Amino acid sequence: MMPNNYLSKSMQSYLNLSSTQAFIAAAKSYLTFCEQIITTPANFNILKDFQPHLADLYFYGSKLEPVPGPFPMEWQELDPKNDGAYDALLSFLGSSVGSQLRCHFILQPLSTDQQSHSFFVDEHLADIYLQLHDDIYRIEKLATPEEIYAGLHLMKRGFDEYWGLDCSILLSALHNPASDRRKIATMVNNLLPGMN
């Protein structure tokens, strides 16, 4: 990445780490893939083709080092879904894979308290897109020191606390996608033991 003369040395070093650059590349690849499936859906096996992108995000996200320094005090609140891509992706996924396709999972499988949870597959694939879109937008388009700091912090926090778990659950659910939606629904409903 090109050096930003306004970044602190520690933040410039973090941005230049191979682990950070590899994750940014994986994130951009996911964004590109999501945008391509909307415009040329016939070229893709939607559920199967999400797998390598989710795998890369999870692998490189798990390699991200802690971001140096505190979260910036001043940063811009972005308008969620402001360019229409999120809505277009969500609408496309809802019509192609089914808006009622749910992924069931146990949040803490090694705990004695094994409560089953679920989420809609299309919504979470689109939510990952939105989070990454905003983080990359801060880092590469807004590109002020505060926005780069915020983008990197939000990227790491998003993986650690939110969509990293979704990514691993989606990978498990999509590991062996069937062509028939009912088979997929049965597969994700029966994926883990102890689910309702």
C-alpha atoms as a PDB file:
ATOM      1  CA  MET A   1       0.000   0.000   0.000  1.00  0.00           C
ATOM      2  CA  MET A   2       1.192   3.519  -0.748  1.00  0.00           C
ATOM      3  CA  PRO A   3       2.591   5.273   2.324  1.00  0.00           C
ATOM      4  CA  ASN A   4       0.315   7.870   3.882  1.00  0.00           C
ATOM      5  CA  ASN A   5       2.528  10.650   5.251  1.00  0.00           C
ATOM      6  CA  TYR A   6      -0.097  11.583   7.847  1.00  0.00           C
ATOM      7  CA  LEU A   7      -0.292   8.169   9.496  1.00  0.00           C
ATOM      8  CA  SER A   8       1.701   7.393  12.606  1.00  0.00           C
ATOM      9  CA  LYS A   9       4.610   5.036  12.087  1.00  0.00           C
ATOM     10  CA  SER A  10       2.893   2.302  14.075  1.00  0.00           C
ATOM     11  CA  MET A  11      -0.287   2.552  11.997  1.00  0.00           C
ATOM     12  CA  GLN A  12       1.654   2.675   8.718  1.00  0.00           C
ATOM     13  CA  SER A  13       3.563  -0.407   9.847  1.00  0.00           C
ATOM     14  CA  TYR A  14       0.294  -2.157  10.723  1.00  0.00           C
ATOM     15  CA  LEU A  15      -1.204  -1.266   7.358  1.00  0.00           C
ATOM     16  CA  ASN A  16       1.876  -2.661   5.596  1.00  0.00           C
ATOM     17  CA  LEU A  17       1.895  -5.972   7.487  1.00  0.00           C
ATOM     18  CA  SER A  18       1.472  -8.935   5.161  1.00  0.00           C
ATOM     19  CA  SER A  19      -1.416 -10.189   7.349  1.00  0.00           C
ATOM     20  CA  THR A  20      -3.250  -6.848   7.008  1.00  0.00           C
ATOM     21  CA  GLN A  21      -2.649  -6.660   3.264  1.00  0.00           C
ATOM     22  CA  ALA A  22      -3.741 -10.286   2.772  1.00  0.00           C
ATOM     23  CA  PHE A  23      -6.974  -9.619   4.648  1.00  0.00           C
ATOM     24  CA  ILE A  24      -7.682  -6.430   2.690  1.00  0.00           C
ATOM     25  CA  ALA A  25      -7.138  -8.385  -0.545  1.00  0.00           C
ATOM     26  CA  ALA A  26      -9.549 -11.126   0.638  1.00  0.00           C
ATOM     27  CA  ALA A  27     -12.117  -8.494   1.629  1.00  0.00           C
ATOM     28  CA  LYS A  28     -11.881  -6.786  -1.760  1.00  0.00           C
ATOM     29  CA  SER A  29     -12.214 -10.146  -3.493  1.00  0.00           C
ATOM     30  CA  TYR A  30     -15.411 -10.857  -1.509  1.00  0.00           C
ATOM     31  CA  LEU A  31     -16.808  -7.433  -2.440  1.00  0.00           C
ATOM     32  CA  THR A  32     -16.012  -7.960  -6.122  1.00  0.00           C
ATOM     33  CA  PHE A  33     -17.572 -11.424  -6.091  1.00  0.00           C
ATOM     34  CA  CYS A  34     -20.781 -10.118  -4.479  1.00  0.00           C
ATOM     35  CA  GLU A  35     -21.031  -7.356  -7.071  1.00  0.00           C
ATOM     36  CA  GLN A  36     -20.373  -9.777  -9.954  1.00  0.00           C
ATOM     37  CA  ILE A  37     -23.051 -12.292  -8.960  1.00  0.00           C
ATOM     38  CA  ILE A  38     -25.682  -9.560  -9.186  1.00  0.00           C
ATOM     39  CA  THR A  39     -24.695  -8.574 -12.726  1.00  0.00           C
ATOM     40  CA  THR A  40     -23.806 -12.026 -14.139  1.00  0.00           C
ATOM     41  CA  PRO A  41     -25.596 -14.636 -12.002  1.00  0.00           C
ATOM     42  CA  ALA A  42     -25.530 -17.318 -14.702  1.00  0.00           C
ATOM     43  CA  ASN A  43     -21.739 -17.534 -14.352  1.00  0.00           C
ATOM     44  CA  PHE A  44     -21.934 -18.712 -10.736  1.00  0.00           C
ATOM     45  CA  ASN A  45     -23.116 -21.565  -8.550  1.00  0.00           C
ATOM     46  CA  ILE A  46     -24.123 -19.061  -5.891  1.00  0.00           C
ATOM     47  CA  LEU A  47     -23.836 -21.025  -2.642  1.00  0.00           C
ATOM     48  CA  LYS A  48     -20.827 -23.102  -3.716  1.00  0.00           C
ATOM     49  CA  ASP A  49     -18.939 -20.082  -5.053  1.00  0.00           C
ATOM     50  CA  PHE A  50     -19.289 -18.219  -1.771  1.00  0.00           C
ATOM     51  CA  GLN A  51     -17.217 -20.910  -0.025  1.00  0.00           C
ATOM     52  CA  PRO A  52     -13.670 -19.923  -1.095  1.00  0.00           C
ATOM     53  CA  HIS A  53     -14.388 -16.265  -0.354  1.00  0.00           C
ATOM     54  CA  LEU A  54     -15.727 -17.035   3.117  1.00  0.00           C
ATOM     55  CA  ALA A  55     -12.785 -19.385   3.733  1.00  0.00           C
ATOM     56  CA  ASP A  56     -10.283 -16.679   2.763  1.00  0.00           C
ATOM     57  CA  LEU A  57     -12.025 -14.086   4.937  1.00  0.00           C
ATOM     58  CA  TYR A  58     -11.986 -16.416   7.915  1.00  0.00           C
ATOM     59  CA  PHE A  59      -8.396 -17.560   7.388  1.00  0.00           C
ATOM     60  CA  TYR A  60      -6.922 -14.092   6.868  1.00  0.00           C
ATOM     61  CA  GLY A  61      -9.213 -12.515   9.471  1.00  0.00           C
ATOM     62  CA  SER A  62      -7.885 -14.949  12.062  1.00  0.00           C
ATOM     63  CA  LYS A  63      -4.355 -13.771  11.213  1.00  0.00           C
ATOM     64  CA  LEU A  64      -5.092 -10.073  11.795  1.00  0.00           C
ATOM     65  CA  GLU A  65      -2.989  -8.662  14.598  1.00  0.00           C
ATOM     66  CA  PRO A  66      -4.441  -6.255  17.177  1.00  0.00           C
ATOM     67  CA  VAL A  67      -4.634  -2.717  15.813  1.00  0.00           C
ATOM     68  CA  PRO A  68      -2.159  -0.404  17.559  1.00  0.00           C
ATOM     69  CA  GLY A  69      -3.473   2.592  19.439  1.00  0.00           C
ATOM     70  CA  PRO A  70      -6.937   3.584  20.630  1.00  0.00           C
ATOM     71  CA  PHE A  71     -10.019   3.891  18.456  1.00  0.00           C
ATOM     72  CA  PRO A  72     -10.028   7.417  16.939  1.00  0.00           C
ATOM     73  CA  MET A  73     -12.142  10.060  18.640  1.00  0.00           C
ATOM     74  CA  GLU A  74     -13.218  11.642  15.338  1.00  0.00           C
ATOM     75  CA  TRP A  75     -14.528   9.547  12.485  1.00  0.00           C
ATOM     76  CA  GLN A  76     -17.359   9.810  10.027  1.00  0.00           C
ATOM     77  CA  GLU A  77     -20.594   7.891  10.556  1.00  0.00           C
ATOM     78  CA  LEU A  78     -21.300   6.317   7.180  1.00  0.00           C
ATOM     79  CA  ASP A  79     -24.798   6.079   5.794  1.00  0.00           C
ATOM     80  CA  PRO A  80     -25.474   2.345   5.815  1.00  0.00           C
ATOM     81  CA  LYS A  81     -26.462   0.862   2.455  1.00  0.00           C
ATOM     82  CA  ASN A  82     -25.881   4.280   0.856  1.00  0.00           C
ATOM     83  CA  ASP A  83     -24.924   3.099  -2.633  1.00  0.00           C
ATOM     84  CA  GLY A  84     -27.717   0.573  -3.108  1.00  0.00           C
ATOM     85  CA  ALA A  85     -25.324  -2.376  -3.477  1.00  0.00           C
ATOM     86  CA  TYR A  86     -26.375  -3.924  -0.160  1.00  0.00           C
ATOM     87  CA  ASP A  87     -30.077  -3.802  -1.044  1.00  0.00           C
ATOM     88  CA  ALA A  88     -29.386  -5.182  -4.527  1.00  0.00           C
ATOM     89  CA  LEU A  89     -27.291  -8.027  -3.089  1.00  0.00           C
ATOM     90  CA  LEU A  90     -29.853  -8.859  -0.404  1.00  0.00           C
ATOM     91  CA  SER A  91     -32.677  -8.855  -2.955  1.00  0.00           C
ATOM     92  CA  PHE A  92     -30.682 -11.027  -5.348  1.00  0.00           C
ATOM     93  CA  LEU A  93     -29.682 -13.534  -2.662  1.00  0.00           C
ATOM     94  CA  GLY A  94     -33.238 -13.671  -1.347  1.00  0.00           C
ATOM     95  CA  SER A  95     -34.569 -14.575  -4.797  1.00  0.00           C
ATOM     96  CA  SER A  96     -31.735 -16.953  -5.751  1.00  0.00           C
ATOM     97  CA  VAL A  97     -31.040 -18.898  -2.539  1.00  0.00           C
ATOM     98  CA  GLY A  98     -34.271 -18.168  -0.716  1.00  0.00           C
ATOM     99  CA  SER A  99     -35.050 -15.483   1.820  1.00  0.00           C
ATOM    100  CA  GLN A 100     -36.262 -18.103   4.310  1.00  0.00           C
ATOM    101  CA  LEU A 101     -33.138 -20.279   4.246  1.00  0.00           C
ATOM    102  CA  ARG A 102     -31.961 -20.379   7.848  1.00  0.00           C
ATOM    103  CA  CYS A 103     -28.706 -21.578   9.326  1.00  0.00           C
ATOM    104  CA  HIS A 104     -29.072 -23.144  12.781  1.00  0.00           C
ATOM    105  CA  PHE A 105     -26.146 -23.433  15.162  1.00  0.00           C
ATOM    106  CA  ILE A 106     -25.142 -23.764  18.799  1.00  0.00           C
ATOM    107  CA  LEU A 107     -23.365 -20.620  19.952  1.00  0.00           C
ATOM    108  CA  GLN A 108     -21.157 -22.350  22.538  1.00  0.00           C
ATOM    109  CA  PRO A 109     -20.961 -26.027  21.524  1.00  0.00           C
ATOM    110  CA  LEU A 110     -18.425 -26.873  24.245  1.00  0.00           C
ATOM    111  CA  SER A 111     -20.592 -25.376  26.996  1.00  0.00           C
ATOM    112  CA  THR A 112     -23.189 -27.247  29.046  1.00  0.00           C
ATOM    113  CA  ASP A 113     -25.643 -24.493  28.042  1.00  0.00           C
ATOM    114  CA  GLN A 114     -26.187 -25.496  24.400  1.00  0.00           C
ATOM    115  CA  GLN A 115     -28.866 -23.120  23.190  1.00  0.00           C
ATOM    116  CA  SER A 116     -29.711 -23.299  19.512  1.00  0.00           C
ATOM    117  CA  HIS A 117     -29.641 -20.073  17.468  1.00  0.00           C
ATOM    118  CA  SER A 118     -30.361 -19.358  13.834  1.00  0.00           C
ATOM    119  CA  PHE A 119     -30.023 -16.648  11.208  1.00  0.00           C
ATOM    120  CA  PHE A 120     -31.045 -16.071   7.607  1.00  0.00           C
ATOM    121  CA  VAL A 121     -28.274 -17.031   5.186  1.00  0.00           C
ATOM    122  CA  ASP A 122     -28.993 -14.277   2.645  1.00  0.00           C
ATOM    123  CA  GLU A 123     -29.007 -11.527   5.291  1.00  0.00           C
ATOM    124  CA  HIS A 124     -25.695 -12.547   6.791  1.00  0.00           C
ATOM    125  CA  LEU A 125     -23.901 -12.923   3.467  1.00  0.00           C
ATOM    126  CA  ALA A 126     -25.103  -9.391   2.646  1.00  0.00           C
ATOM    127  CA  ASP A 127     -24.234  -8.071   6.135  1.00  0.00           C
ATOM    128  CA  ILE A 128     -20.641  -9.281   5.740  1.00  0.00           C
ATOM    129  CA  TYR A 129     -20.548  -7.444   2.413  1.00  0.00           C
ATOM    130  CA  LEU A 130     -21.809  -4.214   3.995  1.00  0.00           C
ATOM    131  CA  GLN A 131     -19.318  -4.314   6.887  1.00  0.00           C
ATOM    132  CA  LEU A 132     -16.357  -4.967   4.588  1.00  0.00           C
ATOM    133  CA  HIS A 133     -17.550  -2.403   2.059  1.00  0.00           C
ATOM    134  CA  ASP A 134     -17.632   0.313   4.718  1.00  0.00           C
ATOM    135  CA  ASP A 135     -14.244  -0.667   6.196  1.00  0.00           C
ATOM    136  CA  ILE A 136     -12.493  -0.693   2.812  1.00  0.00           C
ATOM    137  CA  TYR A 137     -14.238   2.561   1.855  1.00  0.00           C
ATOM    138  CA  ARG A 138     -12.815   4.235   4.981  1.00  0.00           C
ATOM    139  CA  ILE A 139      -9.312   2.917   4.351  1.00  0.00           C
ATOM    140  CA  GLU A 140      -9.050   3.517   0.606  1.00  0.00           C
ATOM    141  CA  LYS A 141     -11.544   6.226  -0.326  1.00  0.00           C
ATOM    142  CA  LEU A 142     -11.875   8.532   2.681  1.00  0.00           C
ATOM    143  CA  ALA A 143      -8.214   7.787   3.494  1.00  0.00           C
ATOM    144  CA  THR A 144      -7.749  10.381   6.245  1.00  0.00           C
ATOM    145  CA  PRO A 145      -5.701   9.143   9.204  1.00  0.00           C
ATOM    146  CA  GLU A 146      -8.828   9.039  11.405  1.00  0.00           C
ATOM    147  CA  GLU A 147     -10.822   7.074   8.830  1.00  0.00           C
ATOM    148  CA  ILE A 148      -7.954   4.650   8.151  1.00  0.00           C
ATOM    149  CA  TYR A 149      -7.615   4.079  11.910  1.00  0.00           C
ATOM    150  CA  ALA A 150     -11.390   3.620  12.211  1.00  0.00           C
ATOM    151  CA  GLY A 151     -11.537   1.296   9.192  1.00  0.00           C
ATOM    152  CA  LEU A 152      -8.760  -0.920  10.549  1.00  0.00           C
ATOM    153  CA  HIS A 153     -10.224  -0.997  14.064  1.00  0.00           C
ATOM    154  CA  LEU A 154     -13.731  -1.759  12.755  1.00  0.00           C
ATOM    155  CA  MET A 155     -12.367  -4.417  10.405  1.00  0.00           C
ATOM    156  CA  LYS A 156     -10.598  -6.223  13.253  1.00  0.00           C
ATOM    157  CA  ARG A 157     -13.499  -5.759  15.684  1.00  0.00           C
ATOM    158  CA  GLY A 158     -16.019  -6.920  13.080  1.00  0.00           C
ATOM    159  CA  PHE A 159     -14.112 -10.140  12.553  1.00  0.00           C
ATOM    160  CA  ASP A 160     -13.502 -10.768  16.271  1.00  0.00           C
ATOM    161  CA  GLU A 161     -16.952  -9.880  17.553  1.00  0.00           C
ATOM    162  CA  TYR A 162     -19.467 -10.201  14.756  1.00  0.00           C
ATOM    163  CA  TRP A 163     -19.099 -11.538  11.255  1.00  0.00           C
ATOM    164  CA  GLY A 164     -16.101 -13.842  11.875  1.00  0.00           C
ATOM    165  CA  LEU A 165     -18.410 -16.243  13.714  1.00  0.00           C
ATOM    166  CA  ASP A 166     -21.052 -15.888  10.989  1.00  0.00           C
ATOM    167  CA  CYS A 167     -18.367 -16.671   8.421  1.00  0.00           C
ATOM    168  CA  SER A 168     -17.381 -19.931  10.118  1.00  0.00           C
ATOM    169  CA  ILE A 169     -21.025 -20.987  10.553  1.00  0.00           C
ATOM    170  CA  LEU A 170     -21.827 -20.210   6.924  1.00  0.00           C
ATOM    171  CA  LEU A 171     -18.781 -22.207   5.817  1.00  0.00           C
ATOM    172  CA  SER A 172     -20.037 -25.223   7.744  1.00  0.00           C
ATOM    173  CA  ALA A 173     -23.563 -24.856   6.390  1.00  0.00           C
ATOM    174  CA  LEU A 174     -22.405 -24.415   2.794  1.00  0.00           C
ATOM    175  CA  HIS A 175     -19.769 -27.152   2.922  1.00  0.00           C
ATOM    176  CA  ASN A 176     -21.917 -29.535   0.897  1.00  0.00           C
ATOM    177  CA  PRO A 177     -24.617 -27.446  -0.800  1.00  0.00           C
ATOM    178  CA  ALA A 178     -27.286 -29.350  -2.683  1.00  0.00           C
ATOM    179  CA  SER A 179     -28.961 -28.077  -5.800  1.00  0.00           C
ATOM    180  CA  ASP A 180     -32.411 -28.367  -4.257  1.00  0.00           C
ATOM    181  CA  ARG A 181     -33.258 -25.657  -1.694  1.00  0.00           C
ATOM    182  CA  ARG A 182     -35.258 -28.053   0.451  1.00  0.00           C
ATOM    183  CA  LYS A 183     -32.229 -30.338   0.738  1.00  0.00           C
ATOM    184  CA  ILE A 184     -30.079 -27.355   1.704  1.00  0.00           C
ATOM    185  CA  ALA A 185     -32.633 -26.267   4.318  1.00  0.00           C
ATOM    186  CA  THR A 186     -32.672 -29.794   5.756  1.00  0.00           C
ATOM    187  CA  MET A 187     -28.867 -29.883   5.751  1.00  0.00           C
ATOM    188  CA  VAL A 188     -28.465 -26.591   7.632  1.00  0.00           C
ATOM    189  CA  ASN A 189     -31.255 -27.486  10.032  1.00  0.00           C
ATOM    190  CA  ASN A 190     -29.498 -30.753  10.894  1.00  0.00           C
ATOM    191  CA  LEU A 191     -25.925 -29.502  10.722  1.00  0.00           C
ATOM    192  CA  LEU A 192     -25.005 -29.629  14.403  1.00  0.00           C
ATOM    193  CA  PRO A 193     -26.150 -32.074  17.081  1.00  0.00           C
ATOM    194  CA  GLY A 194     -28.645 -30.799  19.633  1.00  0.00           C
ATOM    195  CA  MET A 195     -30.381 -28.324  17.344  1.00  0.00           C
ATOM    196  CA  ASN A 196     -34.118 -27.807  17.313  1.00  0.00           C
END
